[in-house]
Amino acid sequence: VFFRQFVGAELLRYHLVDDRWDRIPIPGSPTLDAGIVAFDTKLLVYPFEHGQSRDPDRLLDPGTGEWTTLPGIPMSPGMVRSFVTVGRRLVYLDTERVANPGVKPTRQRTALLGTNAGGWQVFPTADVLAGSGLVVDRDTIVRPVPGGFDGGQVNGWGRTYPSGGVLNLKTGSWGPLPSGLSERDFVLGVYGEGGMSEA
């Protein structure tokens, strides 16, 4: 079982059989604000936001302890970064990193990586705001967050952008949430084919 330290540049691994811990240093200069996710037979460690150095996303082979670098994503630096596994595929989500977030809508960017040598497939930028709280159901990813934002009176965007939506991995396009939810509805969690996710 692997854990990411809240403070520090190491992974913590707990051995269930031996009832012991060990520490695995993360190579390079990893940010303190990072996430981990299982991908295929490896563990992916990634920063939630690209800094000026743009540290790479790294893969750990738990069996050998060897680190490799995830293939580069052909996008400009991002923030609100996350990865979701869908079977043996990896879905990347972010929004473009800008100097003054909020001046323009933080629209969702998405890309898909398979386990073959085909590389990343970048989908069109969506008219959905980037955020957290995702659930996977076969070839569909849902962010069940009703409502939206228009930027307010000072930095008005001219329209309301939805906070949630439905991504079809076969087409690479985001669609609206099913009707019936209002902004007063707060979705704590949804269960799908791929498991549970908290919004």
C-alpha atoms as a PDB file:
ATOM      1  CA  VAL A   1       0.000   0.000   0.000  1.00  0.00           C
ATOM      2  CA  PHE A   2       1.468   3.375  -1.049  1.00  0.00           C
ATOM      3  CA  PHE A   3       0.908   6.803   0.488  1.00  0.00           C
ATOM      4  CA  ARG A   4       2.103  10.246  -0.562  1.00  0.00           C
ATOM      5  CA  GLN A   5       3.660  12.307   2.235  1.00  0.00           C
ATOM      6  CA  PHE A   6       1.824  15.519   3.077  1.00  0.00           C
ATOM      7  CA  VAL A   7       5.193  17.197   3.642  1.00  0.00           C
ATOM      8  CA  GLY A   8       8.336  15.800   2.057  1.00  0.00           C
ATOM      9  CA  ALA A   9       9.572  14.274  -1.181  1.00  0.00           C
ATOM     10  CA  GLU A  10       9.009  10.585  -0.484  1.00  0.00           C
ATOM     11  CA  LEU A  11       6.442   7.876  -0.921  1.00  0.00           C
ATOM     12  CA  LEU A  12       5.554   5.768   2.093  1.00  0.00           C
ATOM     13  CA  ARG A  13       4.985   2.066   1.461  1.00  0.00           C
ATOM     14  CA  TYR A  14       3.295  -0.187   3.989  1.00  0.00           C
ATOM     15  CA  HIS A  15       3.941  -3.938   3.766  1.00  0.00           C
ATOM     16  CA  LEU A  16       0.808  -5.696   4.954  1.00  0.00           C
ATOM     17  CA  VAL A  17       2.404  -9.093   5.513  1.00  0.00           C
ATOM     18  CA  ASP A  18       5.468  -7.837   7.406  1.00  0.00           C
ATOM     19  CA  ASP A  19       3.629  -4.980   9.178  1.00  0.00           C
ATOM     20  CA  ARG A  20       6.359  -2.471   8.386  1.00  0.00           C
ATOM     21  CA  TRP A  21       6.954   0.803   6.550  1.00  0.00           C
ATOM     22  CA  ASP A  22       9.661   1.910   4.168  1.00  0.00           C
ATOM     23  CA  ARG A  23      10.373   5.168   2.348  1.00  0.00           C
ATOM     24  CA  ILE A  24      10.912   5.638  -1.380  1.00  0.00           C
ATOM     25  CA  PRO A  25      12.512   8.944  -2.428  1.00  0.00           C
ATOM     26  CA  ILE A  26      10.903  10.644  -5.420  1.00  0.00           C
ATOM     27  CA  PRO A  27      13.611  11.635  -7.939  1.00  0.00           C
ATOM     28  CA  GLY A  28      14.168  15.172  -9.165  1.00  0.00           C
ATOM     29  CA  SER A  29      12.706  18.093  -7.260  1.00  0.00           C
ATOM     30  CA  PRO A  30       9.077  17.066  -6.678  1.00  0.00           C
ATOM     31  CA  THR A  31       6.576  19.620  -5.499  1.00  0.00           C
ATOM     32  CA  LEU A  32       4.960  19.193  -2.098  1.00  0.00           C
ATOM     33  CA  ASP A  33       1.569  19.575  -3.763  1.00  0.00           C
ATOM     34  CA  ALA A  34       1.362  16.311  -5.708  1.00  0.00           C
ATOM     35  CA  GLY A  35      -0.900  13.352  -6.294  1.00  0.00           C
ATOM     36  CA  ILE A  36      -0.516   9.632  -6.897  1.00  0.00           C
ATOM     37  CA  VAL A  37      -2.598   7.231  -8.983  1.00  0.00           C
ATOM     38  CA  ALA A  38      -2.179   3.629 -10.108  1.00  0.00           C
ATOM     39  CA  PHE A  39      -1.719   3.155 -13.869  1.00  0.00           C
ATOM     40  CA  ASP A  40      -1.454  -0.336 -15.333  1.00  0.00           C
ATOM     41  CA  THR A  41       1.184  -2.052 -13.155  1.00  0.00           C
ATOM     42  CA  LYS A  42       2.880   1.162 -12.018  1.00  0.00           C
ATOM     43  CA  LEU A  43       2.312   4.109  -9.703  1.00  0.00           C
ATOM     44  CA  LEU A  44       2.137   7.614 -11.176  1.00  0.00           C
ATOM     45  CA  VAL A  45       3.343  10.617  -9.150  1.00  0.00           C
ATOM     46  CA  TYR A  46       2.425  14.028 -10.561  1.00  0.00           C
ATOM     47  CA  PRO A  47       2.306  17.708  -9.489  1.00  0.00           C
ATOM     48  CA  PHE A  48      -1.122  19.303  -9.205  1.00  0.00           C
ATOM     49  CA  GLU A  49       0.244  22.383 -10.963  1.00  0.00           C
ATOM     50  CA  HIS A  50       3.141  22.985 -13.313  1.00  0.00           C
ATOM     51  CA  GLY A  51       5.754  25.298 -11.825  1.00  0.00           C
ATOM     52  CA  GLN A  52       8.386  27.158 -13.792  1.00  0.00           C
ATOM     53  CA  SER A  53      10.573  24.050 -13.867  1.00  0.00           C
ATOM     54  CA  ARG A  54       7.694  21.833 -15.116  1.00  0.00           C
ATOM     55  CA  ASP A  55       8.827  18.698 -13.303  1.00  0.00           C
ATOM     56  CA  PRO A  56       7.889  15.567 -15.266  1.00  0.00           C
ATOM     57  CA  ASP A  57       5.236  13.118 -14.230  1.00  0.00           C
ATOM     58  CA  ARG A  58       6.997   9.994 -12.969  1.00  0.00           C
ATOM     59  CA  LEU A  59       6.138   6.292 -12.910  1.00  0.00           C
ATOM     60  CA  LEU A  60       7.333   3.878 -10.236  1.00  0.00           C
ATOM     61  CA  ASP A  61       7.555   0.141 -10.835  1.00  0.00           C
ATOM     62  CA  PRO A  62       6.715  -1.267  -7.361  1.00  0.00           C
ATOM     63  CA  GLY A  63       8.370  -4.577  -8.185  1.00  0.00           C
ATOM     64  CA  THR A  64      11.780  -3.255  -9.202  1.00  0.00           C
ATOM     65  CA  GLY A  65      11.784   0.189  -7.573  1.00  0.00           C
ATOM     66  CA  GLU A  66      12.727   1.714 -10.952  1.00  0.00           C
ATOM     67  CA  TRP A  67      11.491   5.189 -11.883  1.00  0.00           C
ATOM     68  CA  THR A  68      10.636   6.187 -15.444  1.00  0.00           C
ATOM     69  CA  THR A  69       9.100   9.331 -16.930  1.00  0.00           C
ATOM     70  CA  LEU A  70       5.570   9.438 -18.272  1.00  0.00           C
ATOM     71  CA  PRO A  71       5.488  10.445 -21.964  1.00  0.00           C
ATOM     72  CA  GLY A  72       5.211  14.208 -22.243  1.00  0.00           C
ATOM     73  CA  ILE A  73       1.739  15.634 -22.756  1.00  0.00           C
ATOM     74  CA  PRO A  74       1.630  17.904 -25.838  1.00  0.00           C
ATOM     75  CA  MET A  75       0.001  20.830 -24.042  1.00  0.00           C
ATOM     76  CA  SER A  76       1.109  24.115 -22.539  1.00  0.00           C
ATOM     77  CA  PRO A  77       1.733  24.128 -18.751  1.00  0.00           C
ATOM     78  CA  GLY A  78      -1.368  23.337 -16.723  1.00  0.00           C
ATOM     79  CA  MET A  79      -2.931  23.719 -13.292  1.00  0.00           C
ATOM     80  CA  VAL A  80      -5.770  21.874 -11.525  1.00  0.00           C
ATOM     81  CA  ARG A  81      -4.061  18.747 -12.892  1.00  0.00           C
ATOM     82  CA  SER A  82      -5.368  15.236 -12.345  1.00  0.00           C
ATOM     83  CA  PHE A  83      -5.147  11.761 -13.850  1.00  0.00           C
ATOM     84  CA  VAL A  84      -7.826   9.073 -13.977  1.00  0.00           C
ATOM     85  CA  THR A  85      -7.310   5.458 -15.018  1.00  0.00           C
ATOM     86  CA  VAL A  86      -9.889   3.838 -17.275  1.00  0.00           C
ATOM     87  CA  GLY A  87      -8.982   0.189 -17.655  1.00  0.00           C
ATOM     88  CA  ARG A  88      -5.465   0.216 -19.106  1.00  0.00           C
ATOM     89  CA  ARG A  89      -5.805   3.789 -20.336  1.00  0.00           C
ATOM     90  CA  LEU A  90      -4.858   7.023 -18.617  1.00  0.00           C
ATOM     91  CA  VAL A  91      -6.930  10.202 -18.840  1.00  0.00           C
ATOM     92  CA  TYR A  92      -5.280  13.557 -18.132  1.00  0.00           C
ATOM     93  CA  LEU A  93      -7.296  16.611 -17.090  1.00  0.00           C
ATOM     94  CA  ASP A  94      -6.185  20.194 -16.425  1.00  0.00           C
ATOM     95  CA  THR A  95      -6.726  23.816 -17.336  1.00  0.00           C
ATOM     96  CA  GLU A  96      -4.133  26.089 -18.888  1.00  0.00           C
ATOM     97  CA  ARG A  97      -1.790  27.720 -16.385  1.00  0.00           C
ATOM     98  CA  VAL A  98      -2.178  31.510 -16.591  1.00  0.00           C
ATOM     99  CA  ALA A  99      -0.790  34.462 -14.655  1.00  0.00           C
ATOM    100  CA  ASN A 100      -4.194  35.700 -13.448  1.00  0.00           C
ATOM    101  CA  PRO A 101      -6.680  32.855 -12.988  1.00  0.00           C
ATOM    102  CA  GLY A 102     -10.277  34.004 -13.089  1.00  0.00           C
ATOM    103  CA  VAL A 103      -9.858  36.686 -15.725  1.00  0.00           C
ATOM    104  CA  LYS A 104     -10.863  34.040 -18.271  1.00  0.00           C
ATOM    105  CA  PRO A 105     -12.827  30.838 -17.629  1.00  0.00           C
ATOM    106  CA  THR A 106     -10.662  27.897 -16.513  1.00  0.00           C
ATOM    107  CA  ARG A 107     -11.895  25.593 -19.267  1.00  0.00           C
ATOM    108  CA  GLN A 108     -11.267  21.874 -19.019  1.00  0.00           C
ATOM    109  CA  ARG A 109      -8.496  20.329 -21.134  1.00  0.00           C
ATOM    110  CA  THR A 110      -8.333  16.552 -21.570  1.00  0.00           C
ATOM    111  CA  ALA A 111      -6.016  13.993 -23.170  1.00  0.00           C
ATOM    112  CA  LEU A 112      -5.965  10.194 -23.392  1.00  0.00           C
ATOM    113  CA  LEU A 113      -3.021   7.777 -23.256  1.00  0.00           C
ATOM    114  CA  GLY A 114      -3.260   4.049 -23.966  1.00  0.00           C
ATOM    115  CA  THR A 115      -0.728   1.387 -23.043  1.00  0.00           C
ATOM    116  CA  ASN A 116       0.340   0.969 -26.676  1.00  0.00           C
ATOM    117  CA  ALA A 117       2.904   3.134 -28.465  1.00  0.00           C
ATOM    118  CA  GLY A 118       0.310   5.490 -29.919  1.00  0.00           C
ATOM    119  CA  GLY A 119       1.089   8.380 -27.555  1.00  0.00           C
ATOM    120  CA  TRP A 120      -1.285  11.011 -26.266  1.00  0.00           C
ATOM    121  CA  GLN A 121      -4.559  11.899 -27.958  1.00  0.00           C
ATOM    122  CA  VAL A 122      -5.481  15.487 -27.094  1.00  0.00           C
ATOM    123  CA  PHE A 123      -9.190  16.298 -27.051  1.00  0.00           C
ATOM    124  CA  PRO A 124     -10.668  19.733 -27.844  1.00  0.00           C
ATOM    125  CA  THR A 125     -10.812  22.181 -24.923  1.00  0.00           C
ATOM    126  CA  ALA A 126     -14.272  21.929 -23.375  1.00  0.00           C
ATOM    127  CA  ASP A 127     -16.801  24.582 -22.402  1.00  0.00           C
ATOM    128  CA  VAL A 128     -16.793  23.010 -18.926  1.00  0.00           C
ATOM    129  CA  LEU A 129     -14.865  24.455 -15.982  1.00  0.00           C
ATOM    130  CA  ALA A 130     -11.935  22.425 -14.661  1.00  0.00           C
ATOM    131  CA  GLY A 131     -12.295  20.945 -11.193  1.00  0.00           C
ATOM    132  CA  SER A 132     -12.229  17.822  -9.076  1.00  0.00           C
ATOM    133  CA  GLY A 133     -14.718  15.106  -8.208  1.00  0.00           C
ATOM    134  CA  LEU A 134     -14.780  12.557 -11.029  1.00  0.00           C
ATOM    135  CA  VAL A 135     -16.388   9.158 -11.452  1.00  0.00           C
ATOM    136  CA  VAL A 136     -15.581   6.627 -14.185  1.00  0.00           C
ATOM    137  CA  ASP A 137     -18.224   4.450 -15.826  1.00  0.00           C
ATOM    138  CA  ARG A 138     -16.780   2.388 -18.703  1.00  0.00           C
ATOM    139  CA  ASP A 139     -15.928   4.922 -21.474  1.00  0.00           C
ATOM    140  CA  THR A 140     -17.546   7.833 -19.654  1.00  0.00           C
ATOM    141  CA  ILE A 141     -16.154  10.221 -17.045  1.00  0.00           C
ATOM    142  CA  VAL A 142     -18.622  12.321 -15.070  1.00  0.00           C
ATOM    143  CA  ARG A 143     -18.054  15.390 -12.937  1.00  0.00           C
ATOM    144  CA  PRO A 144     -21.375  15.515 -11.044  1.00  0.00           C
ATOM    145  CA  VAL A 145     -21.228  19.167 -10.005  1.00  0.00           C
ATOM    146  CA  PRO A 146     -24.388  21.125 -10.883  1.00  0.00           C
ATOM    147  CA  GLY A 147     -24.488  24.815 -11.623  1.00  0.00           C
ATOM    148  CA  GLY A 148     -21.841  27.047 -13.137  1.00  0.00           C
ATOM    149  CA  PHE A 149     -20.046  30.398 -13.048  1.00  0.00           C
ATOM    150  CA  ASP A 150     -20.025  33.503 -15.243  1.00  0.00           C
ATOM    151  CA  GLY A 151     -16.956  35.286 -13.852  1.00  0.00           C
ATOM    152  CA  GLY A 152     -18.906  37.808 -11.798  1.00  0.00           C
ATOM    153  CA  GLN A 153     -19.422  41.518 -12.362  1.00  0.00           C
ATOM    154  CA  VAL A 154     -15.739  42.500 -12.552  1.00  0.00           C
ATOM    155  CA  ASN A 155     -14.428  39.778 -14.851  1.00  0.00           C
ATOM    156  CA  GLY A 156     -17.647  38.749 -16.518  1.00  0.00           C
ATOM    157  CA  TRP A 157     -17.171  36.039 -19.156  1.00  0.00           C
ATOM    158  CA  GLY A 158     -20.300  36.918 -21.123  1.00  0.00           C
ATOM    159  CA  ARG A 159     -21.963  33.568 -20.361  1.00  0.00           C
ATOM    160  CA  THR A 160     -22.210  30.874 -17.710  1.00  0.00           C
ATOM    161  CA  TYR A 161     -19.841  27.923 -17.940  1.00  0.00           C
ATOM    162  CA  PRO A 162     -21.041  24.690 -16.295  1.00  0.00           C
ATOM    163  CA  SER A 163     -19.075  23.279 -13.348  1.00  0.00           C
ATOM    164  CA  GLY A 164     -19.837  19.676 -14.262  1.00  0.00           C
ATOM    165  CA  GLY A 165     -20.325  17.562 -17.315  1.00  0.00           C
ATOM    166  CA  VAL A 166     -19.959  14.189 -18.993  1.00  0.00           C
ATOM    167  CA  LEU A 167     -16.883  13.206 -21.028  1.00  0.00           C
ATOM    168  CA  ASN A 168     -17.301  10.570 -23.727  1.00  0.00           C
ATOM    169  CA  LEU A 169     -13.876   8.985 -24.254  1.00  0.00           C
ATOM    170  CA  LYS A 170     -14.895   7.524 -27.597  1.00  0.00           C
ATOM    171  CA  THR A 171     -15.604  10.955 -29.080  1.00  0.00           C
ATOM    172  CA  GLY A 172     -13.379  13.095 -26.829  1.00  0.00           C
ATOM    173  CA  SER A 173     -16.212  15.547 -26.219  1.00  0.00           C
ATOM    174  CA  TRP A 174     -17.866  16.869 -23.056  1.00  0.00           C
ATOM    175  CA  GLY A 175     -21.632  17.034 -22.776  1.00  0.00           C
ATOM    176  CA  PRO A 176     -24.012  18.431 -20.143  1.00  0.00           C
ATOM    177  CA  LEU A 177     -25.091  16.639 -16.997  1.00  0.00           C
ATOM    178  CA  PRO A 178     -28.498  14.954 -17.143  1.00  0.00           C
ATOM    179  CA  SER A 179     -31.339  17.314 -16.323  1.00  0.00           C
ATOM    180  CA  GLY A 180     -32.899  17.308 -12.889  1.00  0.00           C
ATOM    181  CA  LEU A 181     -30.094  18.789 -10.754  1.00  0.00           C
ATOM    182  CA  SER A 182     -30.042  22.374  -9.531  1.00  0.00           C
ATOM    183  CA  GLU A 183     -27.266  24.477  -8.044  1.00  0.00           C
ATOM    184  CA  ARG A 184     -28.734  23.755  -4.592  1.00  0.00           C
ATOM    185  CA  ASP A 185     -28.016  20.036  -5.029  1.00  0.00           C
ATOM    186  CA  PHE A 186     -24.666  19.000  -3.575  1.00  0.00           C
ATOM    187  CA  VAL A 187     -23.516  15.635  -4.881  1.00  0.00           C
ATOM    188  CA  LEU A 188     -21.382  13.893  -2.251  1.00  0.00           C
ATOM    189  CA  GLY A 189     -20.577  10.811  -4.292  1.00  0.00           C
ATOM    190  CA  VAL A 190     -21.563   8.702  -7.249  1.00  0.00           C
ATOM    191  CA  TYR A 191     -20.976   5.016  -7.870  1.00  0.00           C
ATOM    192  CA  GLY A 192     -20.164   3.873 -11.399  1.00  0.00           C
ATOM    193  CA  GLU A 193     -18.627   0.902 -13.169  1.00  0.00           C
ATOM    194  CA  GLY A 194     -15.162   2.189 -12.320  1.00  0.00           C
ATOM    195  CA  GLY A 195     -15.856   2.738  -8.620  1.00  0.00           C
ATOM    196  CA  MET A 196     -16.661   5.527  -6.189  1.00  0.00           C
ATOM    197  CA  SER A 197     -15.727   9.166  -6.478  1.00  0.00           C
ATOM    198  CA  GLU A 198     -16.362  12.067  -4.113  1.00  0.00           C
ATOM    199  CA  ALA A 199     -17.242  15.451  -5.567  1.00  0.00           C
END
